[in-house]
Amino acid sequence: MSKAEGKAVETRSEARTILNAYRSVEFSISSQDPAFQFRIRDISPSGVGILMNKSSRALAYLKVGKVLDMTYNPENGKGAPENMKTEIRHITYLESGPFKGQYLVGLLVKNGSPENQE
């Protein structure tokens, strides 16, 4: 590790508790369909998101502003999953980069954890 890497300073104005505490999120679009599970991604200083393939059945169900009950699975596999109301903030098609051709879905936890209460 270089000196620069060892001296990195956290510059975010908000703690990344969702990203640090949870590995994935899952939700169902209907009682007849199985739950969809997606890895949580770090997408901005105050948000997290998930990547979806354009052929995902879940993508057609999601709309910006929709609030869903989502289950957040712990990062380390220890502890119980936590259910939280989560708003779809944006759905962005990625035209370049390593995830080109996929959709990035931005999430905002509305309640469920103390640092994110409405």
C-alpha atoms as a PDB file:
ATOM      1  CA  MET A   1       0.000   0.000   0.000  1.00  0.00           C
ATOM      2  CA  SER A   2       1.351   3.437  -0.934  1.00  0.00           C
ATOM      3  CA  LYS A   3       1.460   6.415   1.416  1.00  0.00           C
ATOM      4  CA  ALA A   4      -1.421   8.021  -0.474  1.00  0.00           C
ATOM      5  CA  GLU A   5      -3.574   4.915  -0.051  1.00  0.00           C
ATOM      6  CA  GLY A   6      -2.772   4.649   3.641  1.00  0.00           C
ATOM      7  CA  LYS A   7      -3.720   8.273   4.287  1.00  0.00           C
ATOM      8  CA  ALA A   8      -7.058   8.295   2.463  1.00  0.00           C
ATOM      9  CA  VAL A   9      -9.579  10.454   4.260  1.00  0.00           C
ATOM     10  CA  GLU A  10     -13.314   9.797   4.215  1.00  0.00           C
ATOM     11  CA  THR A  11     -14.869  12.821   2.486  1.00  0.00           C
ATOM     12  CA  ARG A  12     -18.506  11.772   2.463  1.00  0.00           C
ATOM     13  CA  SER A  13     -20.827  13.987   4.457  1.00  0.00           C
ATOM     14  CA  GLU A  14     -23.025  11.036   5.456  1.00  0.00           C
ATOM     15  CA  ALA A  15     -22.148   7.626   6.825  1.00  0.00           C
ATOM     16  CA  ARG A  16     -22.651   4.737   4.401  1.00  0.00           C
ATOM     17  CA  THR A  17     -24.481   2.543   6.887  1.00  0.00           C
ATOM     18  CA  ILE A  18     -26.711   0.775   4.330  1.00  0.00           C
ATOM     19  CA  LEU A  19     -23.788  -0.147   2.104  1.00  0.00           C
ATOM     20  CA  ASN A  20     -21.609  -1.199   5.026  1.00  0.00           C
ATOM     21  CA  ALA A  21     -24.292  -3.246   6.768  1.00  0.00           C
ATOM     22  CA  TYR A  22     -26.031  -5.016   3.872  1.00  0.00           C
ATOM     23  CA  ARG A  23     -24.844  -7.098   0.946  1.00  0.00           C
ATOM     24  CA  SER A  24     -28.029  -7.545  -1.066  1.00  0.00           C
ATOM     25  CA  VAL A  25     -31.658  -6.588  -1.297  1.00  0.00           C
ATOM     26  CA  GLU A  26     -34.616  -8.690  -2.351  1.00  0.00           C
ATOM     27  CA  PHE A  27     -38.246  -8.063  -3.189  1.00  0.00           C
ATOM     28  CA  SER A  28     -41.202  -9.737  -4.894  1.00  0.00           C
ATOM     29  CA  ILE A  29     -43.309  -8.194  -7.621  1.00  0.00           C
ATOM     30  CA  SER A  30     -46.265 -10.479  -6.953  1.00  0.00           C
ATOM     31  CA  SER A  31     -47.240 -13.334  -4.683  1.00  0.00           C
ATOM     32  CA  GLN A  32     -46.932 -15.768  -7.608  1.00  0.00           C
ATOM     33  CA  ASP A  33     -43.382 -14.793  -8.555  1.00  0.00           C
ATOM     34  CA  PRO A  34     -40.219 -15.696  -6.672  1.00  0.00           C
ATOM     35  CA  ALA A  35     -38.288 -12.934  -4.928  1.00  0.00           C
ATOM     36  CA  PHE A  36     -35.687 -11.088  -6.960  1.00  0.00           C
ATOM     37  CA  GLN A  37     -32.331 -10.582  -5.275  1.00  0.00           C
ATOM     38  CA  PHE A  38     -29.727  -7.971  -6.257  1.00  0.00           C
ATOM     39  CA  ARG A  39     -26.358  -6.981  -4.858  1.00  0.00           C
ATOM     40  CA  ILE A  40     -26.293  -3.473  -3.381  1.00  0.00           C
ATOM     41  CA  ARG A  41     -23.972  -1.032  -5.178  1.00  0.00           C
ATOM     42  CA  ASP A  42     -22.319   2.199  -4.046  1.00  0.00           C
ATOM     43  CA  ILE A  43     -23.608   4.787  -6.533  1.00  0.00           C
ATOM     44  CA  SER A  44     -23.387   8.236  -4.962  1.00  0.00           C
ATOM     45  CA  PRO A  45     -22.411  10.027  -1.764  1.00  0.00           C
ATOM     46  CA  SER A  46     -25.886   9.517  -0.288  1.00  0.00           C
ATOM     47  CA  GLY A  47     -27.367   6.627  -2.207  1.00  0.00           C
ATOM     48  CA  VAL A  48     -27.165   2.983  -3.077  1.00  0.00           C
ATOM     49  CA  GLY A  49     -28.510   1.111  -6.032  1.00  0.00           C
ATOM     50  CA  ILE A  50     -28.838  -2.179  -7.825  1.00  0.00           C
ATOM     51  CA  LEU A  51     -27.962  -3.267 -11.352  1.00  0.00           C
ATOM     52  CA  MET A  52     -30.560  -4.942 -13.541  1.00  0.00           C
ATOM     53  CA  ASN A  53     -30.295  -6.630 -16.891  1.00  0.00           C
ATOM     54  CA  LYS A  54     -32.684  -5.192 -19.478  1.00  0.00           C
ATOM     55  CA  SER A  55     -34.440  -8.568 -19.683  1.00  0.00           C
ATOM     56  CA  SER A  56     -35.223  -8.700 -15.948  1.00  0.00           C
ATOM     57  CA  ARG A  57     -38.946  -9.127 -15.238  1.00  0.00           C
ATOM     58  CA  ALA A  58     -38.526  -6.884 -12.201  1.00  0.00           C
ATOM     59  CA  LEU A  59     -37.487  -3.926 -14.362  1.00  0.00           C
ATOM     60  CA  ALA A  60     -40.921  -3.655 -15.982  1.00  0.00           C
ATOM     61  CA  TYR A  61     -42.526  -3.485 -12.532  1.00  0.00           C
ATOM     62  CA  LEU A  62     -40.357  -0.705 -11.119  1.00  0.00           C
ATOM     63  CA  LYS A  63     -41.290   2.954 -11.537  1.00  0.00           C
ATOM     64  CA  VAL A  64     -39.543   6.069 -10.231  1.00  0.00           C
ATOM     65  CA  GLY A  65     -41.207   7.177  -6.992  1.00  0.00           C
ATOM     66  CA  LYS A  66     -42.656   3.750  -6.201  1.00  0.00           C
ATOM     67  CA  VAL A  67     -42.127   2.611  -2.607  1.00  0.00           C
ATOM     68  CA  LEU A  68     -41.602  -1.112  -2.050  1.00  0.00           C
ATOM     69  CA  ASP A  69     -41.066  -3.355   0.937  1.00  0.00           C
ATOM     70  CA  MET A  70     -37.544  -4.678   0.430  1.00  0.00           C
ATOM     71  CA  THR A  71     -35.569  -7.146   2.507  1.00  0.00           C
ATOM     72  CA  TYR A  72     -31.950  -6.172   3.147  1.00  0.00           C
ATOM     73  CA  ASN A  73     -29.590  -9.097   3.766  1.00  0.00           C
ATOM     74  CA  PRO A  74     -26.639  -8.585   6.148  1.00  0.00           C
ATOM     75  CA  GLU A  75     -23.160  -8.083   4.701  1.00  0.00           C
ATOM     76  CA  ASN A  76     -21.433 -10.695   6.814  1.00  0.00           C
ATOM     77  CA  GLY A  77     -24.204 -13.302   6.686  1.00  0.00           C
ATOM     78  CA  LYS A  78     -24.720 -12.931  10.421  1.00  0.00           C
ATOM     79  CA  GLY A  79     -27.876 -11.489  11.831  1.00  0.00           C
ATOM     80  CA  ALA A  80     -31.390 -11.401  10.504  1.00  0.00           C
ATOM     81  CA  PRO A  81     -32.456  -9.735   7.252  1.00  0.00           C
ATOM     82  CA  GLU A  82     -34.223  -6.419   7.766  1.00  0.00           C
ATOM     83  CA  ASN A  83     -37.387  -5.247   5.989  1.00  0.00           C
ATOM     84  CA  MET A  84     -37.422  -1.581   4.967  1.00  0.00           C
ATOM     85  CA  LYS A  85     -39.647   0.648   2.875  1.00  0.00           C
ATOM     86  CA  THR A  86     -37.530   1.692  -0.107  1.00  0.00           C
ATOM     87  CA  GLU A  87     -38.246   4.285  -2.787  1.00  0.00           C
ATOM     88  CA  ILE A  88     -37.115   3.911  -6.392  1.00  0.00           C
ATOM     89  CA  ARG A  89     -35.249   7.190  -6.998  1.00  0.00           C
ATOM     90  CA  HIS A  90     -34.105   6.705 -10.590  1.00  0.00           C
ATOM     91  CA  ILE A  91     -33.742   4.093 -13.293  1.00  0.00           C
ATOM     92  CA  THR A  92     -30.768   4.894 -15.519  1.00  0.00           C
ATOM     93  CA  TYR A  93     -29.655   3.016 -18.632  1.00  0.00           C
ATOM     94  CA  LEU A  94     -25.856   2.718 -18.642  1.00  0.00           C
ATOM     95  CA  GLU A  95     -24.463   3.530 -22.088  1.00  0.00           C
ATOM     96  CA  SER A  96     -20.801   3.037 -21.224  1.00  0.00           C
ATOM     97  CA  GLY A  97     -18.483   1.572 -18.619  1.00  0.00           C
ATOM     98  CA  PRO A  98     -18.174  -1.914 -17.183  1.00  0.00           C
ATOM     99  CA  PHE A  99     -21.943  -2.298 -16.802  1.00  0.00           C
ATOM    100  CA  LYS A 100     -22.838  -0.993 -20.265  1.00  0.00           C
ATOM    101  CA  GLY A 101     -26.281  -2.159 -21.387  1.00  0.00           C
ATOM    102  CA  GLN A 102     -27.648  -2.624 -17.871  1.00  0.00           C
ATOM    103  CA  TYR A 103     -29.933  -0.439 -15.783  1.00  0.00           C
ATOM    104  CA  LEU A 104     -28.852   1.200 -12.561  1.00  0.00           C
ATOM    105  CA  VAL A 105     -31.774   1.545 -10.140  1.00  0.00           C
ATOM    106  CA  GLY A 106     -31.209   4.111  -7.388  1.00  0.00           C
ATOM    107  CA  LEU A 107     -32.720   3.303  -3.990  1.00  0.00           C
ATOM    108  CA  LEU A 108     -33.630   5.475  -0.999  1.00  0.00           C
ATOM    109  CA  VAL A 109     -34.482   3.768   2.282  1.00  0.00           C
ATOM    110  CA  LYS A 110     -37.563   5.509   3.642  1.00  0.00           C
ATOM    111  CA  ASN A 111     -37.690   3.783   7.047  1.00  0.00           C
ATOM    112  CA  GLY A 112     -36.549   0.723   8.908  1.00  0.00           C
ATOM    113  CA  SER A 113     -33.161   1.825  10.181  1.00  0.00           C
ATOM    114  CA  PRO A 114     -32.590   4.562  12.769  1.00  0.00           C
ATOM    115  CA  GLU A 115     -30.378   6.724  10.569  1.00  0.00           C
ATOM    116  CA  ASN A 116     -32.914   6.755   7.718  1.00  0.00           C
ATOM    117  CA  GLN A 117     -36.257   7.454   9.390  1.00  0.00           C
ATOM    118  CA  GLU A 118     -38.791   9.543   7.501  1.00  0.00           C
END
